[in-house]
Amino acid sequence: MEIVQYPEELDPEKKGILDRFAEKHRRRYGKFLSHFEEICRRLKEDSTFFEVLKKNGYVKNLGGELWEFRIPPAGKGGVLRVYFLFSRVIREKIVILDLEIKKESEANLERARERLKIYRKWEEER
């Protein structure tokens, strides 16, 4: 499975959303990021691991084409939520749209939904 970050494909000059988040928050949320990086590594090696993640609460469909990884699935110290979509052009490709650490409040999905629209338009124009 291929995993890319918004907006790397749209603008190769820009850093991906995950890389920017990691630069800013690695010291505070390193445990979450390391866990997610391990999940990405395993998905790249074996795409069937995605079904294991779904079964164990790490992956959830948020409706339509928007999905999220939850690292860990639940926790008092917060949850890393990574919002993503599946490419329509390349079968086993995940595009990370946005991420945030959630502790108590509801998820802020507006930016992820907007990026989903931008990415879909870009895919159609290619």
Protein backbone atom coordinates (compact mmCIF):
# COMPACT_ATOMS: atom_id res chain seq x y z
CA MET A 1 0.00 0.00 0.00
CA GLU A 2 1.27 3.45 -0.88
CA ILE A 3 0.85 6.28 1.65
CA VAL A 4 1.32 9.93 0.67
CA GLN A 5 0.71 13.22 2.44
CA TYR A 6 -1.30 16.24 1.40
CA PRO A 7 -0.14 18.46 -0.40
CA GLU A 8 3.04 16.69 -1.61
CA GLU A 9 1.58 15.52 -4.92
CA LEU A 10 -0.25 18.77 -5.63
CA ASP A 11 2.81 20.87 -4.83
CA PRO A 12 6.10 18.94 -4.48
CA GLU A 13 7.76 22.07 -3.07
CA LYS A 14 5.66 21.84 0.10
CA LYS A 15 6.16 19.50 3.02
CA GLY A 16 3.49 16.94 3.80
CA ILE A 17 1.01 17.52 6.60
CA LEU A 18 2.37 14.64 8.72
CA ASP A 19 5.96 15.85 8.38
CA ARG A 20 4.98 19.38 9.43
CA PHE A 21 3.02 18.07 12.41
CA ALA A 22 5.94 15.84 13.46
CA GLU A 23 8.42 18.73 13.29
CA LYS A 24 6.24 20.83 15.53
CA HIS A 25 4.96 18.21 17.99
CA ARG A 26 7.39 15.25 18.06
CA ARG A 27 8.65 16.08 21.56
CA ARG A 28 5.16 16.24 23.05
CA TYR A 29 3.39 13.55 20.98
CA GLY A 30 6.28 11.33 19.93
CA LYS A 31 4.60 8.18 21.25
CA PHE A 32 1.53 8.76 19.05
CA LEU A 33 3.65 9.59 16.01
CA SER A 34 5.92 6.56 16.45
CA HIS A 35 2.88 4.30 16.71
CA PHE A 36 1.40 5.76 13.54
CA GLU A 37 4.71 5.51 11.69
CA GLU A 38 4.85 1.81 12.61
CA ILE A 39 1.31 1.33 11.30
CA CYS A 40 2.30 3.02 8.03
CA ARG A 41 5.37 0.80 7.73
CA ARG A 42 3.24 -2.33 8.20
CA LEU A 43 0.62 -1.15 5.70
CA LYS A 44 3.29 -0.52 3.09
CA GLU A 45 4.49 -4.11 3.55
CA ASP A 46 1.07 -5.77 3.78
CA SER A 47 -2.13 -4.03 2.68
CA THR A 48 -4.28 -6.73 4.36
CA PHE A 49 -3.17 -5.23 7.69
CA PHE A 50 -5.76 -2.49 7.01
CA GLU A 51 -8.57 -4.96 7.80
CA VAL A 52 -6.90 -5.84 11.11
CA LEU A 53 -6.77 -2.14 11.98
CA LYS A 54 -10.48 -1.71 11.14
CA LYS A 55 -11.45 -4.71 13.23
CA ASN A 56 -9.50 -3.40 16.24
CA GLY A 57 -10.90 0.15 16.13
CA TYR A 58 -7.87 1.91 14.66
CA VAL A 59 -9.65 2.80 11.41
CA LYS A 60 -13.10 4.28 10.96
CA ASN A 61 -15.06 5.54 7.97
CA LEU A 62 -16.40 9.01 8.72
CA GLY A 63 -18.93 8.92 5.94
CA GLY A 64 -18.45 9.11 2.23
CA GLU A 65 -14.81 9.09 1.20
CA LEU A 66 -13.33 10.43 4.44
CA TRP A 67 -11.62 7.98 6.81
CA GLU A 68 -9.60 8.27 9.99
CA PHE A 69 -6.90 6.41 11.85
CA ARG A 70 -7.22 6.62 15.65
CA ILE A 71 -4.01 6.14 17.58
CA PRO A 72 -4.77 4.65 20.08
CA PRO A 73 -8.43 3.77 19.42
CA ALA A 74 -9.29 5.41 22.79
CA GLY A 75 -7.23 6.96 25.54
CA LYS A 76 -7.27 9.41 28.44
CA GLY A 77 -4.12 11.12 27.22
CA GLY A 78 -5.69 11.94 23.88
CA VAL A 79 -6.01 10.29 20.51
CA LEU A 80 -4.07 11.06 17.35
CA ARG A 81 -6.65 11.32 14.58
CA VAL A 82 -5.27 11.08 11.06
CA TYR A 83 -7.82 11.90 8.34
CA PHE A 84 -7.34 10.30 4.94
CA LEU A 85 -8.90 9.17 1.68
CA PHE A 86 -8.24 6.41 -0.82
CA SER A 87 -7.06 7.47 -4.26
CA ARG A 88 -9.46 6.85 -7.13
CA VAL A 89 -6.56 6.61 -9.58
CA ILE A 90 -4.17 4.23 -7.79
CA ARG A 91 -5.93 1.31 -6.16
CA GLU A 92 -4.02 0.85 -2.90
CA LYS A 93 -3.03 4.43 -2.15
CA ILE A 94 -3.87 6.37 1.01
CA VAL A 95 -3.64 10.17 1.01
CA ILE A 96 -3.23 11.74 4.47
CA LEU A 97 -5.28 14.94 4.49
CA ASP A 98 -4.97 16.25 8.04
CA LEU A 99 -4.32 15.17 11.62
CA GLU A 100 -4.91 16.39 15.13
CA ILE A 101 -4.66 15.34 18.75
CA LYS A 102 -8.11 15.07 20.29
CA LYS A 103 -8.59 15.05 24.03
CA GLU A 104 -12.15 16.06 24.77
CA SER A 105 -13.71 18.11 22.00
CA GLU A 106 -15.27 16.89 18.79
CA ALA A 107 -13.08 16.39 15.76
CA ASN A 108 -12.55 19.35 13.47
CA LEU A 109 -13.15 17.79 10.05
CA GLU A 110 -13.73 20.88 7.92
CA ARG A 111 -10.12 21.25 6.79
CA ALA A 112 -9.90 17.53 5.95
CA ARG A 113 -13.14 17.71 3.95
CA GLU A 114 -11.92 20.76 2.04
CA ARG A 115 -8.63 19.04 1.23
CA LEU A 116 -10.54 15.96 0.09
CA LYS A 117 -12.42 18.13 -2.45
CA ILE A 118 -9.20 19.77 -3.65
CA TYR A 119 -7.47 16.40 -4.03
CA ARG A 120 -10.38 14.86 -5.94
CA LYS A 121 -10.42 17.81 -8.32
CA TRP A 122 -6.66 17.44 -8.83
CA GLU A 123 -7.08 13.69 -9.54
CA GLU A 124 -9.76 14.41 -12.14
CA GLU A 125 -7.63 17.02 -13.91
CA ARG A 126 -4.55 14.80 -14.20
